[in-house]
Protein backbone atom coordinates (compact mmCIF):
# COMPACT_ATOMS: atom_id res chain seq x y z
CA UNK A 1 0.00 0.00 0.00
CA UNK A 2 2.79 2.42 0.88
CA UNK A 3 4.47 1.70 -2.45
CA UNK A 4 1.25 2.58 -4.28
CA UNK A 5 0.88 5.82 -2.34
CA UNK A 6 4.52 6.68 -2.97
CA UNK A 7 4.14 5.94 -6.67
CA UNK A 8 1.19 8.32 -6.87
CA UNK A 9 3.34 11.29 -5.94
CA UNK A 10 2.81 14.17 -3.56
CA UNK A 11 -0.78 14.74 -4.70
CA UNK A 12 -1.73 11.57 -2.87
CA UNK A 13 -1.28 13.47 0.40
CA UNK A 14 -4.25 15.86 -0.04
CA UNK A 15 -6.35 12.97 -1.35
CA UNK A 16 -5.56 10.90 1.75
CA UNK A 17 -6.27 13.87 4.03
CA UNK A 18 -9.61 14.43 2.28
CA UNK A 19 -10.47 10.76 2.75
CA UNK A 20 -9.76 10.96 6.49
CA UNK A 21 -11.92 14.07 6.88
CA UNK A 22 -14.71 12.50 4.81
CA UNK A 23 -14.71 9.33 6.92
CA UNK A 24 -14.87 11.37 10.13
CA UNK A 25 -17.79 13.45 8.82
CA UNK A 26 -19.70 10.36 7.65
CA UNK A 27 -19.34 8.65 11.04
CA UNK A 28 -20.34 11.83 12.92
CA UNK A 29 -23.35 12.49 10.70
CA UNK A 30 -24.55 8.89 10.95
CA UNK A 31 -24.54 9.29 14.73
CA UNK A 32 -26.07 12.77 14.77
CA UNK A 33 -28.74 12.39 12.10
CA UNK A 34 -30.49 9.56 13.87
CA UNK A 35 -34.26 10.14 13.58
CA UNK A 36 -34.80 8.67 17.05
CA UNK A 37 -32.49 11.34 18.51
CA UNK A 38 -33.71 14.26 16.40
CA UNK A 39 -37.49 13.74 16.58
CA UNK A 40 -38.48 11.08 19.15
CA UNK A 41 -41.97 9.83 18.43
CA UNK A 42 -43.31 10.12 21.97
CA UNK A 43 -42.27 13.71 22.69
CA UNK A 44 -45.38 15.47 21.39
CA UNK A 45 -47.72 12.98 23.07
CA UNK A 46 -45.98 13.45 26.42
CA UNK A 47 -46.05 17.24 26.10
CA UNK A 48 -49.72 17.26 25.18
CA UNK A 49 -50.54 15.00 28.11
CA UNK A 50 -48.83 17.41 30.51
CA UNK A 51 -50.62 20.36 28.93
CA UNK A 52 -54.07 18.78 29.31
CA UNK A 53 -53.40 17.92 32.95
CA UNK A 54 -51.79 21.32 33.66
CA UNK A 55 -48.53 19.64 34.67
CA UNK A 56 -46.14 21.65 32.51
CA UNK A 57 -43.82 23.74 34.65
CA UNK A 58 -40.65 25.73 33.95
CA UNK A 59 -38.35 22.87 34.92
CA UNK A 60 -40.05 20.43 32.58
CA UNK A 61 -39.91 23.05 29.84
CA UNK A 62 -36.14 23.35 30.29
CA UNK A 63 -35.81 19.56 30.22
CA UNK A 64 -37.88 19.47 27.04
CA UNK A 65 -35.65 22.09 25.43
CA UNK A 66 -32.45 20.08 26.01
CA UNK A 67 -33.94 16.64 25.38
CA UNK A 68 -33.86 16.72 21.57
CA UNK A 69 -34.01 19.12 18.61
CA UNK A 70 -37.75 18.51 18.39
CA UNK A 71 -38.06 19.31 22.08
CA UNK A 72 -36.13 22.53 21.50
CA UNK A 73 -38.58 23.59 18.81
CA UNK A 74 -41.67 22.66 20.81
CA UNK A 75 -40.37 24.45 23.89
CA UNK A 76 -39.85 27.63 21.88
CA UNK A 77 -43.47 27.49 20.77
CA UNK A 78 -44.83 26.72 24.23
CA UNK A 79 -43.01 29.67 25.80
CA UNK A 80 -44.80 32.02 23.40
CA UNK A 81 -48.12 30.19 23.20
CA UNK A 82 -50.04 32.97 24.96
CA UNK A 83 -48.81 35.61 22.50
CA UNK A 84 -50.99 34.31 19.71
CA UNK A 85 -50.68 31.89 16.85
CA UNK A 86 -48.48 34.12 14.67
CA UNK A 87 -45.95 34.84 17.42
CA UNK A 88 -45.88 31.19 18.43
CA UNK A 89 -45.31 30.15 14.82
CA UNK A 90 -42.55 32.73 14.42
CA UNK A 91 -40.82 31.44 17.56
CA UNK A 92 -41.01 27.88 16.28
CA UNK A 93 -39.60 28.90 12.89
CA UNK A 94 -36.72 30.75 14.54
CA UNK A 95 -35.85 27.74 16.72
CA UNK A 96 -36.22 25.43 13.72
CA UNK A 97 -33.73 27.50 11.71
CA UNK A 98 -31.08 26.87 14.38
CA UNK A 99 -31.91 23.18 14.44
CA UNK A 100 -31.71 22.87 10.66
CA UNK A 101 -28.35 24.66 10.69
CA UNK A 102 -27.06 22.04 13.14
CA UNK A 103 -28.48 19.22 11.02
CA UNK A 104 -26.62 20.51 7.96
CA UNK A 105 -23.32 20.93 9.80
CA UNK A 106 -20.27 19.58 7.92
CA UNK A 107 -22.35 18.60 4.88
CA UNK A 108 -20.92 21.43 2.80
CA UNK A 109 -17.44 20.20 3.68
CA UNK A 110 -18.37 16.69 2.60
CA UNK A 111 -19.79 18.02 -0.66
CA UNK A 112 -16.63 20.01 -1.28
CA UNK A 113 -14.50 16.91 -0.74
CA UNK A 114 -16.69 15.00 -3.18
CA UNK A 115 -16.12 17.72 -5.76
CA UNK A 116 -12.41 18.43 -5.40
CA UNK A 117 -10.86 14.99 -4.89
CA UNK A 118 -11.56 13.82 -8.48
CA UNK A 119 -10.11 17.14 -9.67
CA UNK A 120 -6.99 16.58 -7.58
CA UNK A 121 -6.74 13.14 -9.13
CA UNK A 122 -7.12 14.68 -12.57
CA UNK A 123 -4.34 17.12 -11.74
CA UNK A 124 -2.17 14.14 -10.85
CA UNK A 125 -3.02 12.63 -14.21
CA UNK A 126 -1.95 15.78 -16.02
CA UNK A 127 1.28 16.05 -14.04
CA UNK A 128 2.05 12.39 -14.64
CA UNK A 129 1.57 12.77 -18.36
CA UNK A 130 3.73 15.89 -18.37
CA UNK A 131 6.45 13.83 -16.72
CA UNK A 132 6.05 11.14 -19.38
CA UNK A 133 6.39 13.57 -22.27
CA UNK A 134 9.31 15.32 -20.59
CA UNK A 135 11.11 11.99 -20.39
CA UNK A 136 10.29 11.27 -24.02
CA UNK A 137 11.70 14.65 -25.06
CA UNK A 138 14.83 14.21 -22.96
CA UNK A 139 15.63 10.52 -23.53
CA UNK A 140 13.30 9.29 -26.24
CA UNK A 141 11.17 6.22 -25.73
CA UNK A 142 14.01 3.96 -24.68
CA UNK A 143 13.72 4.54 -20.91
CA UNK A 144 10.74 2.35 -20.14
CA UNK A 145 11.08 2.72 -16.35
CA UNK A 146 10.80 6.49 -16.45
CA UNK A 147 7.79 6.32 -18.75
CA UNK A 148 6.11 3.70 -16.59
CA UNK A 149 6.64 5.83 -13.48
CA UNK A 150 4.89 8.82 -15.02
CA UNK A 151 2.01 6.74 -16.31
CA UNK A 152 1.69 5.00 -12.94
CA UNK A 153 1.53 8.33 -11.13
CA UNK A 154 -1.17 9.51 -13.50
CA UNK A 155 -3.34 6.41 -13.07
CA UNK A 156 -2.90 6.07 -9.29
CA UNK A 157 -3.89 9.65 -8.46
CA UNK A 158 -6.91 9.45 -10.75
CA UNK A 159 -8.09 6.20 -9.19
CA UNK A 160 -7.49 7.51 -5.66
CA UNK A 161 -9.40 10.72 -6.34
CA UNK A 162 -12.36 8.79 -7.71
CA UNK A 163 -12.28 6.28 -4.83
CA UNK A 164 -12.65 9.16 -2.38
CA UNK A 165 -14.94 11.41 -4.41
CA UNK A 166 -17.58 8.87 -5.43
CA UNK A 167 -18.40 7.58 -1.89
CA UNK A 168 -18.23 11.13 -0.52
CA UNK A 169 -20.78 12.26 -3.09
CA UNK A 170 -23.05 9.31 -2.31
CA UNK A 171 -23.01 10.01 1.42
CA UNK A 172 -23.46 13.75 0.81
CA UNK A 173 -26.62 13.13 -1.21
CA UNK A 174 -27.87 10.58 1.31
CA UNK A 175 -27.40 12.94 4.24
CA UNK A 176 -29.12 15.77 2.37
CA UNK A 177 -32.16 13.56 1.82
CA UNK A 178 -32.11 12.52 5.47
CA UNK A 179 -32.02 16.15 6.60
CA UNK A 180 -34.94 16.97 4.31
CA UNK A 181 -36.92 14.07 5.78
CA UNK A 182 -36.11 15.14 9.34
CA UNK A 183 -37.13 18.73 8.62
CA UNK A 184 -40.48 17.50 7.33
CA UNK A 185 -40.98 15.45 10.50
CA UNK A 186 -40.09 18.42 12.71
CA UNK A 187 -42.43 20.68 10.76
CA UNK A 188 -45.28 18.18 10.99
CA UNK A 189 -44.95 17.78 14.76
CA UNK A 190 -44.70 21.54 15.26
CA UNK A 191 -47.84 22.16 13.20
CA UNK A 192 -49.70 19.59 15.27
CA UNK A 193 -48.75 21.45 18.45
CA UNK A 194 -49.72 24.85 17.07
CA UNK A 195 -53.08 23.60 15.76
CA UNK A 196 -53.87 21.84 19.02
CA UNK A 197 -52.95 24.80 21.21
CA UNK A 198 -54.84 27.21 18.98
CA UNK A 199 -58.06 25.48 20.03
CA UNK A 200 -56.92 24.90 23.61
CA UNK A 201 -56.69 28.57 24.67
CA UNK A 202 -52.95 28.57 25.28
CA UNK A 203 -50.80 26.91 27.86
CA UNK A 204 -50.31 27.66 31.50
CA UNK A 205 -46.67 27.10 32.46
CA UNK A 206 -46.48 26.73 36.22
CA UNK A 207 -43.47 27.94 38.18
CA UNK A 208 -41.07 25.21 39.20
CA UNK A 209 -41.27 24.10 42.82
CA UNK A 210 -37.51 23.53 42.90
CA UNK A 211 -35.08 25.95 44.37
Foldseek 3Di string as FASTA:
>chain_A
DVVLLVLLPPLSVVLVVLLVLLVVVLVVLVVQLDLCQAPNPCLLVVVVVCQVVQNAAPVVLVCQCPRHLLSVLVSQLQVCQLVDLVNSVVSSVVSVVVVLVVLCPCLVVLLVLLPCQLVSLQVQLVQLVVQLVVCCVVPNPPPVVSNVSSNSNNVSSNVSSNVRNPVSVVSSVVSVVSSVVSSVVSVVSNVVVSVVSNVVNGGDHHYDPDD
